PDB file of all heavy atoms in Angstrom:
ATOM      1  N   LEU A   1      -6.827   7.936  -8.239  1.00  0.00           N
ATOM      2  CA  LEU A   1      -6.512   6.560  -8.595  1.00  0.00           C
ATOM      3  C   LEU A   1      -6.509   5.728  -7.323  1.00  0.00           C
ATOM      4  O   LEU A   1      -5.621   5.886  -6.482  1.00  0.00           O
ATOM      5  CB  LEU A   1      -5.161   6.453  -9.297  1.00  0.00           C
ATOM      6  CG  LEU A   1      -4.789   5.064  -9.812  1.00  0.00           C
ATOM      7  CD1 LEU A   1      -5.696   4.661 -10.969  1.00  0.00           C
ATOM      8  CD2 LEU A   1      -3.323   5.021 -10.242  1.00  0.00           C
ATOM      9  N   GLN A   2      -7.510   4.880  -7.181  1.00  0.00           N
ATOM     10  CA  GLN A   2      -7.575   3.961  -6.060  1.00  0.00           C
ATOM     11  C   GLN A   2      -6.832   2.692  -6.433  1.00  0.00           C
ATOM     12  O   GLN A   2      -7.183   2.030  -7.410  1.00  0.00           O
ATOM     13  CB  GLN A   2      -9.019   3.641  -5.701  1.00  0.00           C
ATOM     14  CG  GLN A   2      -9.182   2.669  -4.540  1.00  0.00           C
ATOM     15  CD  GLN A   2      -8.683   3.234  -3.232  1.00  0.00           C
ATOM     16  OE1 GLN A   2      -9.013   4.359  -2.877  1.00  0.00           O
ATOM     17  NE2 GLN A   2      -7.880   2.463  -2.517  1.00  0.00           N
ATOM     18  N   MET A   3      -5.822   2.350  -5.666  1.00  0.00           N
ATOM     19  CA  MET A   3      -4.979   1.203  -5.951  1.00  0.00           C
ATOM     20  C   MET A   3      -5.113   0.195  -4.819  1.00  0.00           C
ATOM     21  O   MET A   3      -4.768   0.489  -3.674  1.00  0.00           O
ATOM     22  CB  MET A   3      -3.522   1.621  -6.121  1.00  0.00           C
ATOM     23  CG  MET A   3      -3.311   2.704  -7.168  1.00  0.00           C
ATOM     24  SD  MET A   3      -1.557   3.071  -7.460  1.00  0.00           S
ATOM     25  CE  MET A   3      -1.127   3.776  -5.868  1.00  0.00           C
ATOM     26  N   ASN A   4      -5.598  -0.980  -5.148  1.00  0.00           N
ATOM     27  CA  ASN A   4      -5.767  -2.051  -4.183  1.00  0.00           C
ATOM     28  C   ASN A   4      -4.935  -3.258  -4.590  1.00  0.00           C
ATOM     29  O   ASN A   4      -4.516  -3.382  -5.735  1.00  0.00           O
ATOM     30  CB  ASN A   4      -7.242  -2.458  -4.080  1.00  0.00           C
ATOM     31  CG  ASN A   4      -8.142  -1.337  -3.625  1.00  0.00           C
ATOM     32  OD1 ASN A   4      -7.781  -0.541  -2.759  1.00  0.00           O
ATOM     33  ND2 ASN A   4      -9.344  -1.271  -4.196  1.00  0.00           N
ATOM     34  N   SER A   5      -4.730  -4.145  -3.643  1.00  0.00           N
ATOM     35  CA  SER A   5      -3.975  -5.374  -3.895  1.00  0.00           C
ATOM     36  C   SER A   5      -2.657  -5.086  -4.595  1.00  0.00           C
ATOM     37  O   SER A   5      -2.299  -5.723  -5.590  1.00  0.00           O
ATOM     38  CB  SER A   5      -4.820  -6.355  -4.726  1.00  0.00           C
ATOM     39  OG  SER A   5      -6.026  -6.679  -4.057  1.00  0.00           O
ATOM     40  N   LEU A   6      -1.934  -4.142  -4.063  1.00  0.00           N
ATOM     41  CA  LEU A   6      -0.703  -3.698  -4.702  1.00  0.00           C
ATOM     42  C   LEU A   6       0.356  -4.793  -4.726  1.00  0.00           C
ATOM     43  O   LEU A   6       0.483  -5.577  -3.782  1.00  0.00           O
ATOM     44  CB  LEU A   6      -0.160  -2.464  -3.999  1.00  0.00           C
ATOM     45  CG  LEU A   6      -0.907  -1.169  -4.344  1.00  0.00           C
ATOM     46  CD1 LEU A   6      -0.654  -0.100  -3.294  1.00  0.00           C
ATOM     47  CD2 LEU A   6      -0.482  -0.668  -5.722  1.00  0.00           C
ATOM     48  N   LYS A   7       1.096  -4.814  -5.816  1.00  0.00           N
ATOM     49  CA  LYS A   7       2.158  -5.781  -6.034  1.00  0.00           C
ATOM     50  C   LYS A   7       3.491  -5.059  -6.174  1.00  0.00           C
ATOM     51  O   LYS A   7       3.532  -3.888  -6.548  1.00  0.00           O
ATOM     52  CB  LYS A   7       1.888  -6.584  -7.305  1.00  0.00           C
ATOM     53  CG  LYS A   7       0.543  -7.293  -7.333  1.00  0.00           C
ATOM     54  CD  LYS A   7       0.324  -7.956  -8.684  1.00  0.00           C
ATOM     55  CE  LYS A   7      -1.014  -8.667  -8.736  1.00  0.00           C
ATOM     56  NZ  LYS A   7      -1.242  -9.295 -10.066  1.00  0.00           N
ATOM     57  N   PRO A   8       4.597  -5.743  -5.907  1.00  0.00           N
ATOM     58  CA  PRO A   8       5.902  -5.105  -6.087  1.00  0.00           C
ATOM     59  C   PRO A   8       6.105  -4.531  -7.485  1.00  0.00           C
ATOM     60  O   PRO A   8       6.761  -3.488  -7.623  1.00  0.00           O
ATOM     61  CB  PRO A   8       6.893  -6.235  -5.798  1.00  0.00           C
ATOM     62  CG  PRO A   8       6.168  -7.108  -4.832  1.00  0.00           C
ATOM     63  CD  PRO A   8       4.733  -7.079  -5.280  1.00  0.00           C
ATOM     64  N   GLU A   9       5.554  -5.168  -8.496  1.00  0.00           N
ATOM     65  CA  GLU A   9       5.712  -4.679  -9.855  1.00  0.00           C
ATOM     66  C   GLU A   9       4.933  -3.399 -10.131  1.00  0.00           C
ATOM     67  O   GLU A   9       5.079  -2.801 -11.200  1.00  0.00           O
ATOM     68  CB  GLU A   9       5.329  -5.758 -10.883  1.00  0.00           C
ATOM     69  CG  GLU A   9       3.973  -6.381 -10.636  1.00  0.00           C
ATOM     70  CD  GLU A   9       4.063  -7.699  -9.893  1.00  0.00           C
ATOM     71  OE1 GLU A   9       4.826  -7.790  -8.915  1.00  0.00           O
ATOM     72  OE2 GLU A   9       3.365  -8.655 -10.306  1.00  0.00           O
ATOM     73  N   ASP A  10       4.103  -2.966  -9.188  1.00  0.00           N
ATOM     74  CA  ASP A  10       3.436  -1.680  -9.298  1.00  0.00           C
ATOM     75  C   ASP A  10       4.339  -0.522  -8.887  1.00  0.00           C
ATOM     76  O   ASP A  10       3.961   0.640  -9.053  1.00  0.00           O
ATOM     77  CB  ASP A  10       2.170  -1.648  -8.442  1.00  0.00           C
ATOM     78  CG  ASP A  10       1.107  -2.623  -8.909  1.00  0.00           C
ATOM     79  OD1 ASP A  10       0.904  -2.747 -10.140  1.00  0.00           O
ATOM     80  OD2 ASP A  10       0.467  -3.257  -8.044  1.00  0.00           O
ATOM     81  N   THR A  11       5.497  -0.831  -8.348  1.00  0.00           N
ATOM     82  CA  THR A  11       6.429   0.204  -7.923  1.00  0.00           C
ATOM     83  C   THR A  11       6.845   1.065  -9.109  1.00  0.00           C
ATOM     84  O   THR A  11       7.336   0.560 -10.121  1.00  0.00           O
ATOM     85  CB  THR A  11       7.668  -0.414  -7.267  1.00  0.00           C
ATOM     86  OG1 THR A  11       7.281  -1.095  -6.071  1.00  0.00           O
ATOM     87  CG2 THR A  11       8.689   0.659  -6.910  1.00  0.00           C
ATOM     88  N   ALA A  12       6.642   2.362  -8.990  1.00  0.00           N
ATOM     89  CA  ALA A  12       6.942   3.292 -10.073  1.00  0.00           C
ATOM     90  C   ALA A  12       6.661   4.707  -9.596  1.00  0.00           C
ATOM     91  O   ALA A  12       6.079   4.921  -8.532  1.00  0.00           O
ATOM     92  CB  ALA A  12       6.092   2.980 -11.311  1.00  0.00           C
ATOM     93  N   VAL A  13       7.065   5.664 -10.403  1.00  0.00           N
ATOM     94  CA  VAL A  13       6.609   7.027 -10.235  1.00  0.00           C
ATOM     95  C   VAL A  13       5.322   7.175 -11.031  1.00  0.00           C
ATOM     96  O   VAL A  13       5.285   6.849 -12.215  1.00  0.00           O
ATOM     97  CB  VAL A  13       7.654   8.057 -10.705  1.00  0.00           C
ATOM     98  CG1 VAL A  13       7.105   9.474 -10.574  1.00  0.00           C
ATOM     99  CG2 VAL A  13       8.941   7.906  -9.908  1.00  0.00           C
ATOM    100  N   TYR A  14       4.296   7.650 -10.377  1.00  0.00           N
ATOM    101  CA  TYR A  14       2.995   7.805 -11.000  1.00  0.00           C
ATOM    102  C   TYR A  14       2.770   9.265 -11.347  1.00  0.00           C
ATOM    103  O   TYR A  14       2.955  10.156 -10.516  1.00  0.00           O
ATOM    104  CB  TYR A  14       1.888   7.301 -10.069  1.00  0.00           C
ATOM    105  CG  TYR A  14       1.814   5.796 -10.018  1.00  0.00           C
ATOM    106  CD1 TYR A  14       2.800   5.054  -9.382  1.00  0.00           C
ATOM    107  CD2 TYR A  14       0.761   5.113 -10.620  1.00  0.00           C
ATOM    108  CE1 TYR A  14       2.748   3.668  -9.351  1.00  0.00           C
ATOM    109  CE2 TYR A  14       0.698   3.729 -10.588  1.00  0.00           C
ATOM    110  CZ  TYR A  14       1.693   3.006  -9.955  1.00  0.00           C
ATOM    111  OH  TYR A  14       1.622   1.633  -9.923  1.00  0.00           O
ATOM    112  N   TYR A  15       2.352   9.493 -12.579  1.00  0.00           N
ATOM    113  CA  TYR A  15       2.162  10.840 -13.093  1.00  0.00           C
ATOM    114  C   TYR A  15       0.709  11.081 -13.476  1.00  0.00           C
ATOM    115  O   TYR A  15       0.080  10.247 -14.131  1.00  0.00           O
ATOM    116  CB  TYR A  15       3.023  11.078 -14.334  1.00  0.00           C
ATOM    117  CG  TYR A  15       4.507  11.016 -14.087  1.00  0.00           C
ATOM    118  CD1 TYR A  15       5.208   9.823 -14.222  1.00  0.00           C
ATOM    119  CD2 TYR A  15       5.215  12.161 -13.730  1.00  0.00           C
ATOM    120  CE1 TYR A  15       6.573   9.761 -14.001  1.00  0.00           C
ATOM    121  CE2 TYR A  15       6.581  12.110 -13.508  1.00  0.00           C
ATOM    122  CZ  TYR A  15       7.251  10.912 -13.647  1.00  0.00           C
ATOM    123  OH  TYR A  15       8.610  10.858 -13.436  1.00  0.00           O
ATOM    124  N   CYS A  16       0.225  12.224 -13.094  1.00  0.00           N
ATOM    125  CA  CYS A  16      -1.093  12.676 -13.507  1.00  0.00           C
ATOM    126  C   CYS A  16      -0.980  13.414 -14.836  1.00  0.00           C
ATOM    127  O   CYS A  16      -0.012  14.152 -15.072  1.00  0.00           O
ATOM    128  CB  CYS A  16      -1.677  13.592 -12.429  1.00  0.00           C
ATOM    129  SG  CYS A  16      -3.258  14.346 -12.830  1.00  0.00           S
ATOM    130  N   ASN A  17      -1.948  13.216 -15.692  1.00  0.00           N
ATOM    131  CA  ASN A  17      -1.979  13.877 -16.995  1.00  0.00           C
ATOM    132  C   ASN A  17      -3.377  14.404 -17.265  1.00  0.00           C
ATOM    133  O   ASN A  17      -4.368  13.762 -16.928  1.00  0.00           O
ATOM    134  CB  ASN A  17      -1.564  12.892 -18.093  1.00  0.00           C
ATOM    135  CG  ASN A  17      -1.740  13.452 -19.484  1.00  0.00           C
ATOM    136  OD1 ASN A  17      -2.659  13.063 -20.205  1.00  0.00           O
ATOM    137  ND2 ASN A  17      -0.865  14.367 -19.866  1.00  0.00           N
ATOM    138  N   ALA A  18      -3.448  15.585 -17.875  1.00  0.00           N
ATOM    139  CA  ALA A  18      -4.748  16.159 -18.188  1.00  0.00           C
ATOM    140  C   ALA A  18      -4.681  17.003 -19.444  1.00  0.00           C
ATOM    141  O   ALA A  18      -3.702  17.722 -19.681  1.00  0.00           O
ATOM    142  CB  ALA A  18      -5.264  17.007 -17.024  1.00  0.00           C
ATOM    143  N   ASP A  19      -5.720  16.905 -20.239  1.00  0.00           N
ATOM    144  CA  ASP A  19      -5.921  17.738 -21.419  1.00  0.00           C
ATOM    145  C   ASP A  19      -6.798  18.902 -20.964  1.00  0.00           C
ATOM    146  O   ASP A  19      -7.996  18.732 -20.739  1.00  0.00           O
ATOM    147  CB  ASP A  19      -6.582  16.915 -22.517  1.00  0.00           C
ATOM    148  CG  ASP A  19      -6.880  17.716 -23.764  1.00  0.00           C
ATOM    149  OD1 ASP A  19      -6.393  18.852 -23.902  1.00  0.00           O
ATOM    150  OD2 ASP A  19      -7.612  17.182 -24.624  1.00  0.00           O
ATOM    151  N   VAL A  20      -6.189  20.076 -20.842  1.00  0.00           N
ATOM    152  CA  VAL A  20      -6.826  21.207 -20.178  1.00  0.00           C
ATOM    153  C   VAL A  20      -7.044  22.354 -21.149  1.00  0.00           C
ATOM    154  O   VAL A  20      -6.171  22.683 -21.960  1.00  0.00           O
ATOM    155  CB  VAL A  20      -5.975  21.710 -18.989  1.00  0.00           C
ATOM    156  CG1 VAL A  20      -6.640  22.907 -18.314  1.00  0.00           C
ATOM    157  CG2 VAL A  20      -5.758  20.590 -17.986  1.00  0.00           C
ATOM    158  N   ILE A  21      -8.204  22.965 -21.050  1.00  0.00           N
ATOM    159  CA  ILE A  21      -8.468  24.229 -21.728  1.00  0.00           C
ATOM    160  C   ILE A  21      -8.406  25.316 -20.664  1.00  0.00           C
ATOM    161  O   ILE A  21      -9.268  25.390 -19.791  1.00  0.00           O
ATOM    162  CB  ILE A  21      -9.829  24.223 -22.435  1.00  0.00           C
ATOM    163  CG1 ILE A  21      -9.879  23.111 -23.483  1.00  0.00           C
ATOM    164  CG2 ILE A  21     -10.091  25.580 -23.080  1.00  0.00           C
ATOM    165  CD1 ILE A  21     -11.239  22.939 -24.127  1.00  0.00           C
ATOM    166  N   GLY A  22      -7.389  26.142 -20.739  1.00  0.00           N
ATOM    167  CA  GLY A  22      -7.222  27.234 -19.806  1.00  0.00           C
ATOM    168  C   GLY A  22      -7.773  28.532 -20.361  1.00  0.00           C
ATOM    169  O   GLY A  22      -7.719  28.782 -21.568  1.00  0.00           O
ATOM    170  N   PHE A  23      -8.284  29.356 -19.464  1.00  0.00           N
ATOM    171  CA  PHE A  23      -8.864  30.631 -19.886  1.00  0.00           C
ATOM    172  C   PHE A  23      -7.812  31.525 -20.533  1.00  0.00           C
ATOM    173  O   PHE A  23      -8.072  32.192 -21.532  1.00  0.00           O
ATOM    174  CB  PHE A  23      -9.499  31.328 -18.688  1.00  0.00           C
ATOM    175  CG  PHE A  23     -10.127  32.651 -19.025  1.00  0.00           C
ATOM    176  CD1 PHE A  23     -11.351  32.712 -19.680  1.00  0.00           C
ATOM    177  CD2 PHE A  23      -9.502  33.838 -18.693  1.00  0.00           C
ATOM    178  CE1 PHE A  23     -11.934  33.918 -20.002  1.00  0.00           C
ATOM    179  CE2 PHE A  23     -10.072  35.054 -19.002  1.00  0.00           C
ATOM    180  CZ  PHE A  23     -11.296  35.096 -19.665  1.00  0.00           C
ATOM    181  N   ARG A  24      -6.621  31.530 -19.958  1.00  0.00           N
ATOM    182  CA  ARG A  24      -5.543  32.370 -20.474  1.00  0.00           C
ATOM    183  C   ARG A  24      -4.591  31.611 -21.396  1.00  0.00           C
ATOM    184  O   ARG A  24      -4.071  32.183 -22.357  1.00  0.00           O
ATOM    185  CB  ARG A  24      -4.746  32.967 -19.315  1.00  0.00           C
ATOM    186  CG  ARG A  24      -5.563  33.860 -18.391  1.00  0.00           C
ATOM    187  CD  ARG A  24      -4.718  34.302 -17.214  1.00  0.00           C
ATOM    188  NE  ARG A  24      -3.599  35.121 -17.634  1.00  0.00           N
ATOM    189  CZ  ARG A  24      -2.540  35.388 -16.881  1.00  0.00           C
ATOM    190  NH1 ARG A  24      -2.463  34.891 -15.650  1.00  0.00           N
ATOM    191  NH2 ARG A  24      -1.561  36.152 -17.338  1.00  0.00           N
ATOM    192  N   ASP A  25      -4.357  30.352 -21.112  1.00  0.00           N
ATOM    193  CA  ASP A  25      -3.320  29.597 -21.802  1.00  0.00           C
ATOM    194  C   ASP A  25      -3.827  28.780 -22.979  1.00  0.00           C
ATOM    195  O   ASP A  25      -3.024  28.243 -23.756  1.00  0.00           O
ATOM    196  CB  ASP A  25      -2.612  28.663 -20.825  1.00  0.00           C
ATOM    197  CG  ASP A  25      -1.922  29.404 -19.706  1.00  0.00           C
ATOM    198  OD1 ASP A  25      -1.488  30.545 -19.930  1.00  0.00           O
ATOM    199  OD2 ASP A  25      -1.809  28.832 -18.600  1.00  0.00           O
ATOM    200  N   GLY A  26      -5.128  28.693 -23.146  1.00  0.00           N
ATOM    201  CA  GLY A  26      -5.667  27.865 -24.197  1.00  0.00           C
ATOM    202  C   GLY A  26      -5.516  26.384 -23.889  1.00  0.00           C
ATOM    203  O   GLY A  26      -5.278  25.989 -22.746  1.00  0.00           O
ATOM    204  N   ARG A  27      -5.620  25.573 -24.898  1.00  0.00           N
ATOM    205  CA  ARG A  27      -5.564  24.139 -24.716  1.00  0.00           C
ATOM    206  C   ARG A  27      -4.130  23.656 -24.570  1.00  0.00           C
ATOM    207  O   ARG A  27      -3.239  24.090 -25.291  1.00  0.00           O
ATOM    208  CB  ARG A  27      -6.229  23.426 -25.882  1.00  0.00           C
ATOM    209  CG  ARG A  27      -6.368  21.928 -25.689  1.00  0.00           C
ATOM    210  CD  ARG A  27      -7.193  21.307 -26.783  1.00  0.00           C
ATOM    211  NE  ARG A  27      -7.420  19.891 -26.561  1.00  0.00           N
ATOM    212  CZ  ARG A  27      -8.156  19.117 -27.336  1.00  0.00           C
ATOM    213  NH1 ARG A  27      -8.759  19.632 -28.400  1.00  0.00           N
ATOM    214  NH2 ARG A  27      -8.300  17.836 -27.052  1.00  0.00           N
TER     215      ARG A  27
END
């Protein structure tokens, strides 16, 4: 995530999310 022109209201904890198909764990 490239973030430019950042503003104070962008302040937060940012979380990555992914829909993953694992070989052992499945989806």
